[in-house]
Protein backbone atom coordinates (compact mmCIF):
# COMPACT_ATOMS: atom_id res chain seq x y z
CA MET A 1 97.54 -40.35 -296.99
CA ALA A 2 96.59 -43.41 -294.95
CA MET A 3 93.08 -44.64 -295.46
CA ASP A 4 91.10 -46.45 -292.77
CA ASP A 5 88.93 -49.49 -293.43
CA ASN A 6 85.73 -47.48 -293.77
CA GLU A 7 87.23 -45.29 -296.44
CA SER A 8 88.64 -48.24 -298.26
CA CYS A 9 85.31 -49.97 -298.33
CA GLY A 10 83.57 -46.77 -299.37
CA SER A 11 85.93 -46.38 -302.36
CA ARG A 12 85.01 -49.83 -303.51
CA THR A 13 81.36 -48.81 -303.34
CA VAL A 14 82.00 -45.88 -305.65
CA GLU A 15 83.94 -48.03 -308.07
CA THR A 16 81.32 -50.78 -308.16
CA ALA A 17 78.48 -48.33 -308.55
CA SER A 18 80.13 -46.85 -311.59
CA SER A 19 78.26 -47.28 -314.83
CA LYS A 20 81.41 -48.76 -316.33
CA GLN A 21 81.18 -51.84 -314.09
CA SER A 22 79.69 -54.93 -315.63
CA ARG A 23 76.65 -56.66 -314.24
CA HIS A 24 78.86 -59.46 -312.95
CA GLU A 25 81.06 -57.03 -311.09
CA ARG A 26 78.06 -55.45 -309.45
CA GLN A 27 76.83 -58.86 -308.36
CA ARG A 28 80.28 -59.73 -307.05
CA PHE A 29 80.26 -56.64 -304.86
CA GLU A 30 76.69 -57.28 -303.66
CA VAL A 31 77.65 -60.82 -302.61
CA TYR A 32 80.83 -59.54 -300.95
CA THR A 33 78.78 -56.99 -298.98
CA GLU A 34 76.24 -59.61 -297.90
CA VAL A 35 78.89 -62.10 -296.83
CA LEU A 36 80.77 -59.43 -294.92
CA SER A 37 77.59 -58.34 -293.11
CA ARG A 38 76.71 -61.91 -292.18
CA LEU A 39 80.19 -62.57 -290.86
CA GLN A 40 79.93 -59.43 -288.77
CA ASP A 41 76.61 -60.63 -287.41
CA LEU A 42 78.21 -63.98 -286.58
CA ASP A 43 80.80 -62.06 -284.57
CA ARG A 44 83.69 -64.01 -286.18
CA GLN A 45 87.03 -63.05 -284.77
CA GLU A 46 88.65 -62.77 -288.22
CA VAL A 47 86.32 -59.89 -289.09
CA LYS A 48 87.76 -57.81 -286.31
CA LEU A 49 91.35 -58.06 -287.59
CA PRO A 50 92.82 -54.99 -289.32
CA GLY A 51 92.50 -55.07 -293.11
CA PHE A 52 90.01 -57.97 -293.12
CA GLU A 53 87.52 -56.22 -295.43
CA ASP A 54 90.23 -55.62 -298.02
CA GLN A 55 91.39 -59.24 -297.74
CA LEU A 56 87.88 -60.51 -298.23
CA TRP A 57 87.43 -58.23 -301.26
CA HIS A 58 90.72 -59.55 -302.63
CA HIS A 59 89.43 -63.07 -302.14
CA PHE A 60 86.35 -62.41 -304.29
CA ASN A 61 88.40 -60.60 -306.93
CA ARG A 62 90.96 -63.35 -307.38
CA LEU A 63 88.18 -65.83 -308.15
CA PRO A 64 85.90 -65.68 -311.22
CA ALA A 65 82.57 -63.82 -311.03
CA ARG A 66 80.89 -67.20 -311.19
CA TYR A 67 82.13 -67.96 -307.66
CA ALA A 68 80.25 -64.93 -306.24
CA MET A 69 77.11 -65.82 -308.19
CA ASP A 70 77.10 -69.44 -307.13
CA VAL A 71 78.18 -69.28 -303.49
CA ASN A 72 75.45 -69.64 -300.85
CA VAL A 73 75.59 -66.32 -298.91
CA GLU A 74 73.73 -67.95 -296.05
CA ARG A 75 76.87 -70.03 -295.55
CA ALA A 76 79.15 -66.98 -295.23
CA GLU A 77 81.50 -68.98 -292.97
CA ASP A 78 82.31 -71.26 -295.95
CA VAL A 79 83.83 -68.27 -297.77
CA LEU A 80 86.28 -68.00 -294.84
CA THR A 81 87.18 -71.65 -295.26
CA HIS A 82 87.84 -71.09 -298.99
CA LYS A 83 89.96 -68.04 -298.18
CA ARG A 84 91.95 -70.04 -295.62
CA LEU A 85 92.56 -72.97 -297.94
CA LEU A 86 93.78 -70.74 -300.75
CA LEU A 87 96.24 -69.10 -298.33
CA LEU A 88 97.50 -72.48 -297.16
CA ALA A 89 98.00 -73.64 -300.76
CA GLU A 90 100.54 -70.92 -301.37
CA ASP A 91 102.98 -73.16 -299.43
CA PRO A 92 103.93 -76.11 -301.60
CA ASP A 93 104.22 -78.33 -298.52
CA ASN A 94 100.51 -77.81 -297.80
CA ARG A 95 99.27 -78.78 -301.23
CA PRO A 96 96.61 -79.77 -301.65
CA ALA A 97 95.06 -77.95 -298.71
CA PHE A 98 91.62 -79.42 -297.97
CA ASP A 99 88.65 -79.37 -295.67
CA VAL A 100 85.81 -81.80 -295.05
CA ARG A 101 82.36 -81.17 -293.62
CA LEU A 102 79.04 -82.98 -293.41
CA VAL A 103 76.22 -81.51 -295.51
CA GLN A 104 72.50 -82.26 -296.01
CA VAL A 105 71.42 -82.54 -299.62
CA HIS A 106 67.75 -82.13 -300.49
CA PRO A 107 66.40 -83.32 -303.83
CA SER A 108 65.40 -80.66 -306.29
CA GLY A 109 61.93 -79.35 -305.49
CA ALA A 110 61.93 -80.59 -301.90
CA GLU A 111 61.74 -77.04 -300.54
CA ASN A 112 58.64 -76.36 -302.60
CA ASP A 113 57.07 -79.62 -301.48
CA LEU A 114 57.76 -78.70 -297.89
CA ASP A 115 56.28 -75.24 -298.30
CA SER A 116 53.14 -76.76 -299.77
CA ALA A 117 52.90 -79.33 -297.01
CA HIS A 118 53.43 -76.63 -294.41
CA SER A 119 50.70 -74.38 -295.84
CA ASP A 120 48.25 -77.31 -295.65
CA SER A 121 49.05 -77.92 -292.01
CA LEU A 122 48.57 -74.40 -290.57
CA MET A 123 45.87 -75.70 -288.28
CA ARG A 124 48.34 -77.96 -286.48
CA GLU A 125 49.54 -77.10 -282.98
CA ASP A 126 52.36 -74.61 -282.49
CA ALA A 127 54.65 -77.35 -281.13
CA GLN A 128 54.14 -79.42 -284.29
CA SER A 129 54.88 -76.35 -286.46
CA HIS A 130 58.05 -75.67 -284.49
CA THR A 131 59.20 -79.24 -285.00
CA PHE A 132 58.43 -78.98 -288.68
CA GLU A 133 60.50 -75.81 -289.08
CA SER A 134 63.36 -77.44 -287.24
CA ASN A 135 63.24 -80.43 -289.56
CA ARG A 136 62.96 -78.22 -292.57
CA ARG A 137 66.26 -76.62 -291.83
CA GLY A 138 67.83 -80.08 -291.74
CA ILE A 139 70.21 -81.69 -289.33
CA HIS A 140 73.25 -80.55 -291.26
CA PRO A 141 74.04 -77.40 -293.22
CA PRO A 142 73.52 -77.40 -297.01
CA PRO A 143 76.40 -77.51 -299.53
CA THR A 144 78.23 -74.26 -300.16
CA PHE A 145 77.02 -73.99 -303.74
CA GLY A 146 73.76 -75.96 -303.54
CA SER A 147 72.37 -77.91 -306.52
CA SER A 148 72.59 -75.78 -309.60
CA SER A 149 70.17 -75.87 -312.49
CA ASN A 150 73.01 -77.28 -314.54
CA LEU A 151 73.22 -80.31 -312.27
CA GLU A 152 69.48 -80.73 -312.46
CA ALA A 153 69.99 -81.04 -316.20
CA LEU A 154 72.06 -84.15 -315.48
CA GLY A 155 69.01 -85.88 -314.16
CA VAL A 156 68.74 -84.72 -310.55
CA GLN A 157 64.98 -84.83 -310.12
CA SER A 158 62.56 -84.54 -307.23
CA SER A 159 60.02 -87.11 -306.36
CA GLY A 160 56.85 -85.25 -307.29
CA ALA A 161 54.24 -87.76 -306.14
CA HIS A 162 51.27 -86.09 -304.38
CA VAL A 163 50.33 -87.57 -301.02
CA ASP A 164 47.14 -86.49 -299.25
CA ASP A 165 48.51 -87.24 -295.84
CA VAL A 166 50.66 -84.19 -295.09
CA GLU A 167 52.61 -85.85 -292.30
CA ARG A 168 53.52 -88.82 -294.52
CA ASP A 169 54.52 -86.40 -297.27
CA ILE A 170 56.90 -84.55 -294.97
CA ASN A 171 58.44 -87.82 -293.80
CA SER A 172 58.89 -88.97 -297.37
CA ILE A 173 60.71 -85.77 -298.30
CA PHE A 174 63.08 -85.99 -295.32
CA GLN A 175 63.84 -89.61 -296.11
CA THR A 176 65.17 -88.47 -299.51
CA SER A 177 67.37 -85.84 -297.89
CA ARG A 178 70.79 -87.45 -297.69
CA PRO A 179 73.71 -86.51 -295.52
CA MET A 180 76.83 -86.31 -297.65
CA HIS A 181 80.29 -84.88 -297.36
CA GLU A 182 81.57 -81.72 -298.96
CA ILE A 183 85.30 -81.82 -299.65
CA THR A 184 87.08 -78.62 -300.67
CA PHE A 185 90.60 -78.66 -302.13
CA SER A 186 93.00 -75.91 -303.01
CA THR A 187 96.26 -76.38 -304.90
CA VAL A 188 98.02 -75.03 -307.96
CA ASP A 189 95.78 -74.63 -310.97
CA LYS A 190 96.73 -77.44 -313.32
CA PRO A 191 94.32 -79.84 -315.07
CA LYS A 192 96.43 -82.90 -314.17
CA LEU A 193 96.14 -82.06 -310.49
CA LEU A 194 92.40 -81.62 -310.68
CA SER A 195 92.20 -84.98 -312.41
CA GLN A 196 94.32 -86.50 -309.72
CA LEU A 197 91.96 -85.22 -307.03
CA THR A 198 88.97 -86.75 -308.71
CA SER A 199 90.91 -90.01 -309.04
CA LEU A 200 91.86 -89.86 -305.36
CA LEU A 201 88.22 -89.50 -304.35
CA SER A 202 87.29 -92.44 -306.61
CA ASP A 203 90.01 -94.60 -305.13
CA ILE A 204 88.59 -94.03 -301.64
CA GLY A 205 85.22 -95.26 -302.88
CA LEU A 206 83.52 -91.85 -303.03
CA ASN A 207 80.99 -90.95 -305.72
CA ILE A 208 81.07 -87.30 -306.83
CA GLU A 209 77.52 -86.01 -306.85
CA GLU A 210 78.35 -82.34 -307.49
CA ALA A 211 81.50 -80.48 -308.45
CA HIS A 212 82.48 -76.86 -308.68
CA ALA A 213 85.92 -75.92 -309.91
CA PHE A 214 87.29 -72.33 -309.81
CA SER A 215 90.64 -70.95 -310.96
CA THR A 216 92.19 -67.85 -309.34
CA THR A 217 93.85 -65.02 -311.27
CA ASP A 218 97.19 -65.95 -309.66
CA GLY A 219 97.37 -69.66 -310.59
CA PHE A 220 95.62 -71.48 -307.83
CA SER A 221 92.47 -73.59 -307.80
CA LEU A 222 89.51 -74.02 -305.49
CA ASP A 223 87.67 -77.30 -306.13
CA VAL A 224 84.53 -78.16 -304.19
CA PHE A 225 83.07 -81.74 -304.33
CA VAL A 226 79.91 -83.09 -302.75
CA VAL A 227 80.42 -86.79 -302.39
CA ALA A 228 78.52 -89.87 -301.32
CA GLY A 229 79.80 -93.22 -300.32
CA TRP A 230 81.50 -92.55 -296.99
CA PRO A 231 79.64 -94.72 -294.47
CA TYR A 232 80.14 -92.52 -291.41
CA GLU A 233 78.68 -89.10 -290.68
CA GLU A 234 81.62 -87.90 -288.62
CA THR A 235 84.38 -86.32 -290.70
CA GLU A 236 87.64 -87.11 -288.82
CA LEU A 237 88.06 -90.61 -290.29
CA LEU A 238 87.50 -89.23 -293.78
CA LYS A 239 90.03 -86.45 -293.21
CA SER A 240 92.52 -88.99 -292.00
CA LYS A 241 91.92 -91.20 -295.00
CA LEU A 242 92.35 -88.31 -297.40
CA GLN A 243 95.55 -87.20 -295.69
CA LYS A 244 96.96 -90.72 -295.97
CA GLU A 245 96.12 -90.98 -299.68
CA ILE A 246 97.57 -87.57 -300.42
CA LYS A 247 100.80 -88.48 -298.61
CA MET A 248 101.04 -91.69 -300.62
CA ALA A 249 100.46 -89.78 -303.90
CA LYS A 250 103.19 -87.30 -303.03
CA GLU A 251 105.64 -90.07 -302.23
CA GLN A 252 104.76 -92.11 -305.29
CA PRO A 253 107.34 -91.78 -308.13
CA SER A 254 106.00 -90.33 -311.32
CA SER A 255 105.76 -92.87 -314.14
CA GLU A 256 103.65 -93.77 -317.11
CA GLN A 257 101.39 -96.00 -314.98
CA HIS A 258 100.99 -93.54 -312.10
CA VAL A 259 99.69 -90.08 -311.56
CA PRO A 260 102.38 -87.37 -311.16
CA PRO A 261 103.10 -86.01 -307.66
CA MET A 262 100.72 -83.38 -306.36
CA THR A 263 103.35 -80.80 -305.59
CA GLU A 264 104.92 -78.95 -308.51
CA ASN A 265 108.27 -77.18 -308.71
CA TYR A 266 108.12 -74.22 -311.05
CA GLU A 267 111.38 -72.71 -310.01
CA ARG A 268 113.74 -71.79 -312.75
CA GLY A 269 117.08 -73.59 -312.66
CA ASN A 270 115.72 -76.66 -310.99
CA PRO A 271 118.80 -78.85 -310.44
CA SER A 272 116.75 -82.00 -311.21
CA ILE A 273 116.16 -80.76 -314.79
CA SER A 274 119.01 -81.94 -317.03
CA GLU A 275 120.80 -79.75 -319.48
CA TYR A 276 119.01 -81.34 -322.38
CA VAL A 277 116.04 -83.55 -323.02
CA LYS A 278 116.99 -87.14 -323.66
CA ILE A 279 114.94 -88.54 -326.56
CA PRO A 280 115.65 -91.96 -328.14
CA THR A 281 117.01 -91.68 -331.64
CA ASP A 282 119.00 -93.53 -334.27
CA GLU A 283 121.96 -92.54 -336.42
CA ILE A 284 119.96 -91.46 -339.49
CA ASP A 285 117.18 -89.70 -337.59
CA VAL A 286 118.32 -86.11 -337.48
CA TRP A 287 115.76 -83.67 -336.16
CA GLU A 288 117.62 -81.39 -333.71
CA ILE A 289 117.32 -77.78 -334.84
CA ASP A 290 119.80 -75.01 -334.07
CA PRO A 291 117.67 -72.25 -332.54
CA ARG A 292 119.77 -69.70 -334.43
CA GLN A 293 118.22 -70.94 -337.65
CA LEU A 294 114.72 -70.02 -336.49
CA ARG A 295 113.18 -66.67 -337.32
CA PHE A 296 110.27 -65.68 -335.08
CA GLY A 297 107.30 -63.74 -336.35
CA ASN A 298 103.97 -62.94 -334.69
CA ARG A 299 102.82 -64.79 -331.62
CA ILE A 300 99.58 -66.51 -332.69
CA ALA A 301 98.56 -68.22 -329.44
CA SER A 302 99.58 -68.30 -325.79
CA GLY A 303 99.02 -70.65 -322.92
CA ALA A 304 100.08 -71.07 -319.29
CA PHE A 305 103.10 -73.16 -320.22
CA GLY A 306 104.01 -72.12 -323.73
CA ASP A 307 103.53 -69.76 -326.69
CA LEU A 308 102.98 -70.50 -330.38
CA TYR A 309 104.67 -68.36 -333.00
CA LYS A 310 104.56 -68.11 -336.76
CA GLY A 311 108.11 -68.13 -338.08
CA THR A 312 110.50 -69.39 -340.71
CA TYR A 313 113.05 -72.15 -340.79
CA CYS A 314 115.29 -72.54 -343.82
CA SER A 315 113.03 -70.13 -345.73
CA GLN A 316 109.95 -72.25 -344.98
CA GLU A 317 106.92 -70.94 -343.06
CA VAL A 318 106.65 -72.86 -339.86
CA ALA A 319 104.85 -72.92 -336.50
CA ILE A 320 107.12 -72.82 -333.46
CA LYS A 321 105.74 -73.99 -330.11
CA VAL A 322 107.97 -72.62 -327.35
CA LEU A 323 107.94 -73.77 -323.71
CA LYS A 324 108.16 -70.94 -321.20
CA PRO A 325 111.45 -71.46 -319.37
CA GLU A 326 110.08 -70.24 -316.01
CA ARG A 327 107.31 -72.88 -316.11
CA VAL A 328 109.43 -75.86 -317.06
CA ASN A 329 109.46 -78.80 -314.62
CA ILE A 330 110.08 -82.53 -314.79
CA ASP A 331 106.56 -83.44 -315.88
CA MET A 332 106.61 -80.81 -318.67
CA LEU A 333 109.95 -82.14 -319.93
CA LYS A 334 108.51 -85.67 -320.03
CA GLU A 335 105.52 -84.44 -322.00
CA PHE A 336 107.78 -82.46 -324.34
CA SER A 337 110.06 -85.42 -325.00
CA GLN A 338 107.08 -87.69 -325.51
CA GLU A 339 105.68 -85.33 -328.15
CA VAL A 340 109.00 -85.14 -330.01
CA PHE A 341 109.44 -88.91 -329.73
CA ILE A 342 106.04 -89.55 -331.30
CA MET A 343 106.05 -86.84 -333.95
CA ARG A 344 109.50 -87.48 -335.37
CA LYS A 345 108.36 -90.77 -336.99
CA ILE A 346 104.90 -89.66 -338.15
CA ARG A 347 104.35 -89.06 -341.91
CA HIS A 348 100.74 -88.67 -343.09
CA LYS A 349 98.90 -86.03 -345.06
CA ASN A 350 96.27 -85.74 -342.28
CA VAL A 351 98.74 -85.36 -339.48
CA VAL A 352 100.64 -82.07 -338.93
CA GLN A 353 104.19 -82.50 -340.21
CA PHE A 354 106.95 -82.42 -337.63
CA LEU A 355 110.11 -80.61 -338.92
CA GLY A 356 112.36 -80.66 -335.81
CA ALA A 357 112.89 -79.54 -332.27
CA CYS A 358 115.25 -77.68 -329.99
CA THR A 359 115.88 -79.87 -326.94
CA LYS A 360 118.46 -77.86 -324.99
CA PRO A 361 116.99 -75.69 -322.22
CA PRO A 362 116.05 -72.91 -322.05
CA ASN A 363 115.37 -73.02 -325.84
CA LEU A 364 112.83 -75.82 -325.78
CA CYS A 365 110.56 -75.76 -328.83
CA ILE A 366 108.89 -77.91 -331.46
CA VAL A 367 108.79 -76.84 -335.11
CA THR A 368 106.02 -78.01 -337.43
CA GLU A 369 104.50 -76.97 -340.72
CA PHE A 370 102.46 -73.81 -340.53
CA MET A 371 98.71 -74.32 -340.89
CA CYS A 372 97.51 -71.00 -342.20
CA LYS A 373 93.74 -71.55 -341.77
CA GLY A 374 94.05 -72.16 -338.02
CA SER A 375 92.05 -74.64 -335.91
CA VAL A 376 88.62 -76.03 -336.61
CA HIS A 377 87.64 -74.79 -333.16
CA SER A 378 88.54 -71.23 -334.10
CA PHE A 379 86.74 -71.59 -337.41
CA LEU A 380 83.53 -72.75 -335.75
CA HIS A 381 83.43 -70.74 -332.53
CA LYS A 382 85.50 -67.58 -333.03
CA GLN A 383 85.00 -66.90 -336.67
CA LYS A 384 81.41 -68.19 -336.40
CA SER A 385 81.81 -69.91 -339.77
CA THR A 386 79.90 -72.93 -340.95
CA PHE A 387 80.62 -75.99 -342.99
CA LYS A 388 78.21 -77.45 -345.58
CA LEU A 389 77.18 -81.07 -344.85
CA SER A 390 79.43 -82.39 -347.62
CA THR A 391 82.36 -80.39 -346.12
CA ILE A 392 81.59 -81.68 -342.64
CA ILE A 393 81.81 -85.25 -343.94
CA ARG A 394 85.09 -84.47 -345.74
CA VAL A 395 86.56 -82.94 -342.56
CA ALA A 396 85.41 -86.00 -340.58
CA MET A 397 87.05 -88.21 -343.19
CA ASP A 398 90.31 -86.24 -342.95
CA VAL A 399 90.30 -86.69 -339.19
CA SER A 400 89.47 -90.39 -339.47
CA LYS A 401 92.31 -90.96 -341.95
CA GLY A 402 94.81 -89.25 -339.66
CA MET A 403 93.57 -91.08 -336.56
CA ASN A 404 93.46 -94.39 -338.39
CA TYR A 405 97.13 -93.92 -339.28
CA LEU A 406 98.02 -93.12 -335.69
CA HIS A 407 96.16 -96.17 -334.33
CA GLN A 408 97.79 -98.41 -336.91
CA ASN A 409 101.11 -97.20 -335.48
CA ASN A 410 99.96 -97.93 -331.95
CA ILE A 411 99.55 -94.29 -330.98
CA ILE A 412 96.62 -93.09 -328.89
CA HIS A 413 96.12 -89.31 -329.27
CA ARG A 414 94.26 -88.92 -325.89
CA ASP A 415 93.24 -85.29 -326.51
CA LEU A 416 91.23 -85.28 -329.76
CA LYS A 417 89.12 -82.15 -330.03
CA THR A 418 88.50 -79.38 -332.56
CA ALA A 419 91.21 -77.19 -331.04
CA ASN A 420 93.73 -79.86 -332.02
CA LEU A 421 92.53 -80.10 -335.64
CA LEU A 422 94.25 -77.65 -337.97
CA MET A 423 93.54 -76.59 -341.54
CA ASP A 424 96.04 -75.73 -344.28
CA GLU A 425 95.55 -73.37 -347.22
CA HIS A 426 93.58 -76.05 -349.12
CA GLU A 427 91.38 -76.64 -346.03
CA VAL A 428 92.81 -80.12 -345.57
CA VAL A 429 92.38 -80.97 -341.90
CA LYS A 430 95.25 -82.42 -339.97
CA VAL A 431 95.52 -83.90 -336.48
CA ALA A 432 97.86 -81.86 -334.22
CA ASP A 433 99.21 -81.56 -330.68
CA PHE A 434 100.75 -84.78 -329.40
CA GLY A 435 101.76 -83.44 -326.00
CA VAL A 436 99.69 -85.99 -324.14
CA SER A 437 99.72 -88.77 -326.73
CA ARG A 438 101.21 -92.10 -325.87
CA VAL A 439 102.50 -95.21 -327.62
CA VAL A 440 100.31 -98.09 -326.59
CA SER A 441 101.91 -100.49 -324.13
CA GLN A 442 102.34 -104.14 -324.96
CA THR A 443 99.11 -104.98 -323.13
CA GLY A 444 97.21 -102.65 -325.46
CA VAL A 445 95.61 -100.79 -322.57
CA MET A 446 96.60 -97.73 -320.55
CA THR A 447 95.77 -96.03 -317.25
CA ALA A 448 95.88 -92.51 -315.85
CA GLU A 449 93.49 -90.12 -317.58
CA THR A 450 94.38 -87.16 -319.66
CA GLY A 451 92.66 -85.00 -322.24
CA THR A 452 89.84 -82.50 -321.96
CA TYR A 453 86.71 -83.39 -320.01
CA ARG A 454 84.14 -82.22 -322.60
CA TRP A 455 85.56 -84.62 -325.20
CA MET A 456 86.83 -87.34 -322.82
CA ALA A 457 85.64 -90.96 -322.85
CA PRO A 458 83.94 -92.21 -319.68
CA GLU A 459 86.51 -94.88 -319.04
CA VAL A 460 89.25 -92.27 -319.12
CA ILE A 461 87.31 -89.99 -316.79
CA GLU A 462 86.90 -92.93 -314.35
CA HIS A 463 90.67 -93.72 -314.48
CA LYS A 464 89.90 -97.20 -315.83
CA LEU A 465 92.04 -99.13 -318.28
CA TYR A 466 91.50 -97.83 -321.80
CA ASP A 467 92.73 -98.24 -325.34
CA HIS A 468 92.45 -96.58 -328.75
CA LYS A 469 88.61 -96.67 -328.52
CA ALA A 470 88.88 -93.67 -326.15
CA ASP A 471 89.86 -91.58 -329.23
CA VAL A 472 86.79 -92.89 -331.01
CA PHE A 473 84.54 -91.47 -328.31
CA SER A 474 86.27 -88.09 -328.60
CA PHE A 475 85.83 -88.24 -332.34
CA GLY A 476 82.08 -88.69 -331.84
CA ILE A 477 81.99 -85.47 -329.82
CA VAL A 478 84.04 -83.70 -332.50
CA LEU A 479 81.65 -84.88 -335.22
CA TRP A 480 78.69 -83.62 -333.15
CA GLU A 481 80.51 -80.26 -332.79
CA LEU A 482 81.00 -80.02 -336.52
CA LEU A 483 77.29 -80.63 -337.12
CA THR A 484 76.01 -78.22 -334.46
CA ARG A 485 78.77 -75.59 -334.26
CA GLU A 486 78.29 -75.66 -330.48
CA ILE A 487 80.62 -76.34 -327.54
CA PRO A 488 79.76 -79.74 -326.02
CA TYR A 489 77.72 -79.42 -322.75
CA SER A 490 78.06 -75.64 -322.89
CA ASP A 491 75.58 -75.18 -320.02
CA LEU A 492 77.80 -77.27 -317.72
CA THR A 493 81.29 -76.81 -316.29
CA PRO A 494 83.76 -79.34 -317.66
CA LEU A 495 83.74 -81.24 -314.38
CA GLN A 496 79.96 -81.34 -314.21
CA ALA A 497 79.91 -82.61 -317.80
CA ALA A 498 82.36 -85.39 -316.84
CA ILE A 499 80.16 -86.47 -313.96
CA GLY A 500 77.12 -86.52 -316.26
CA VAL A 501 78.92 -88.60 -318.89
CA VAL A 502 79.95 -91.21 -316.36
CA GLN A 503 77.02 -91.35 -313.94
CA GLN A 504 74.05 -90.43 -316.07
CA GLY A 505 75.21 -91.53 -319.54
CA LEU A 506 75.01 -87.88 -320.63
CA ARG A 507 75.59 -87.20 -324.32
CA PRO A 508 75.06 -84.05 -326.44
CA ALA A 509 71.60 -83.66 -327.95
CA ILE A 510 71.61 -84.59 -331.66
CA PRO A 511 69.64 -82.09 -333.81
CA LYS A 512 66.43 -83.55 -335.32
CA ARG A 513 67.37 -82.82 -338.92
CA THR A 514 70.70 -84.64 -338.73
CA HIS A 515 71.25 -87.20 -341.50
CA PRO A 516 70.04 -90.58 -340.12
CA LYS A 517 73.32 -92.35 -340.97
CA LEU A 518 75.25 -89.66 -339.10
CA VAL A 519 72.99 -90.10 -336.13
CA GLU A 520 73.73 -93.83 -336.18
CA LEU A 521 77.50 -93.15 -336.42
CA LEU A 522 77.45 -90.68 -333.54
CA GLU A 523 75.62 -93.09 -331.25
CA LYS A 524 78.03 -95.85 -332.13
CA CYS A 525 81.08 -93.71 -331.46
CA TRP A 526 80.01 -92.59 -327.98
CA GLN A 527 78.81 -95.95 -326.66
CA GLN A 528 79.49 -96.33 -322.98
CA ASP A 529 81.11 -99.73 -323.57
CA PRO A 530 84.35 -99.14 -325.62
CA THR A 531 84.11 -102.56 -327.25
CA HIS A 532 80.87 -101.45 -328.95
CA ARG A 533 82.50 -98.53 -330.64
CA PRO A 534 83.79 -98.85 -334.21
CA ASN A 535 87.46 -98.41 -335.12
CA PHE A 536 88.55 -95.62 -337.43
CA SER A 537 88.77 -97.92 -340.43
CA GLN A 538 85.10 -98.72 -339.98
CA ILE A 539 84.23 -95.10 -339.32
CA LEU A 540 85.99 -94.15 -342.59
CA GLU A 541 83.98 -96.72 -344.48
CA ASN A 542 80.74 -95.36 -342.99
CA LEU A 543 81.66 -91.76 -343.87
CA GLN A 544 82.47 -92.73 -347.44
CA ARG A 545 79.02 -94.36 -347.84
CA ILE A 546 77.32 -91.34 -346.26
CA ALA A 547 79.26 -88.97 -348.52
CA LYS A 548 78.01 -90.87 -351.60
CA GLU A 549 74.44 -90.77 -350.30
CA VAL A 550 74.68 -87.02 -349.71
CA VAL A 551 75.99 -86.48 -353.22
CA ASP A 552 73.29 -88.65 -354.70
CA GLU A 553 70.62 -86.76 -352.74
CA VAL A 554 71.95 -83.44 -353.95
CA GLU A 555 71.99 -84.66 -357.55
CA ASP A 556 68.41 -85.99 -357.23
CA ARG A 557 67.25 -82.60 -355.90
CA GLN A 558 68.98 -80.83 -358.75
CA LYS A 559 67.33 -83.21 -361.23
CA ASP A 560 63.96 -82.53 -359.70
CA LYS A 561 64.52 -78.81 -359.95
CA SER A 562 65.66 -79.17 -363.54
CA ILE A 563 62.64 -81.28 -364.54
CA GLY A 564 60.36 -78.89 -362.70
CA GLY A 565 61.90 -75.96 -364.53
CA PHE A 566 61.53 -77.75 -367.86
CA PHE A 567 57.81 -78.44 -367.38
CA SER A 568 57.33 -74.90 -366.15
CA SER A 569 58.87 -73.49 -369.29
CA LEU A 570 56.66 -75.78 -371.37
CA ARG A 571 53.56 -74.48 -369.61
CA LYS A 572 54.65 -70.89 -370.19
CA GLY A 573 55.32 -71.64 -373.90
CA HIS A 574 51.89 -73.31 -374.25
CA HIS A 575 50.16 -70.20 -372.91
């Protein structure tokens, strides 16, 4: 039976009111209802179209609950913009779809200051009060998502000076209210594309003040940036500049020194993909594996572009990383070939051992030794396990040895994090996942960022030239994670963390009871200036000294306990 719009909306009310719905789902529905009501009050033409309510509900459902909780319902028309951009992004020719508008940003606490100032000026004339209220609303609308408490944690503070003269106080507040631009992008959901967008904004000379990144359930992204640095209030010139830069990026050939094109081709059977992956080799270097020799067991991990299986190869337990054929494209093949090219020559006890690869599509896979204890990330955050201090130092030494070996062979890992550190049955930690690793160029420096924002060095985030010291910064974050068992910047989104690291010098808070020498090492590793960071050979020496100190301290405590127990027994015997 056909159902009209009212019935459809009513059924959603019943579903959402159900006791089985989570708090976030209820909030999502409440925001949806409020936005719909405001759009109806605004008499927007889209609202009158058949099926609009269902389409709007679908929009909220395809985005995470965080979107509904963060969006400013007073800017209901912005939700329509987001909906429109996501629809445009479904056509590859439109990617990235974007919109630009002027916004007014008030410093944190300005509203409270204004309220206070207004309450003190109630005796003023009505005309003055009317002018004040007009000013309070601001010349331009606020950002879609406002300034979150997370961003305030990055150092966004209000000017709290008290001024007796109310009029001067009000003027001071409005002088700190800055017109900025809000740029919203929608494209396919892929970290490299998000990174490219931030790079594009930087190239134009824009400074990202706030960032909100959302992924849809069907593989698209909605990224909202509040930026400063554009000298004109009108938006057309900025739109034109963005369009020009995007066009240049699309036309630019993908290479090691450039960011890949913004449009992606995920179609199976892409004629531009060759029948096999060409990887440099020599006559004695035999690593091609016949897929018929592989025996697949349980799938132990899954991602957007590949799956990881436990299996066997020639009666040996192995891990098999398989690329999903339907997601293979040129960039993925380059990354795959790069990983094989690097791993085939690596031999070190603290680097996961490469056994071979299948390089003939659609059977693209990499075979490595099986690490039965899983990742350090899983150990810390999923199993909720802990390391003793002596074990933390040993793990850090394992990582340092592996990374020192890689750097001595001119390899930058570029994505060092606990998820890429694996443990074998003896809890020996080994560096893994070389999908984004690169052999250092002859100049010794590289461009084009990669990696994961929470662990990423500031020079990589800013798309500057970088070298092996970028891995040292990431190691510092890993060491902090080992000590605290916490996710870095867990109260921030990855993009907000990146902005904080670059613009405010944000670093994770070191616990007060941390060993002083480890505090010193952490602070050296995450220095803003890469030249001030130690190399892994120096880090290893530091860790060895710290390990000896820790052992000595434990032995001293044991001696103290032993002596204390001896005298205690003497006293008991005397009595």
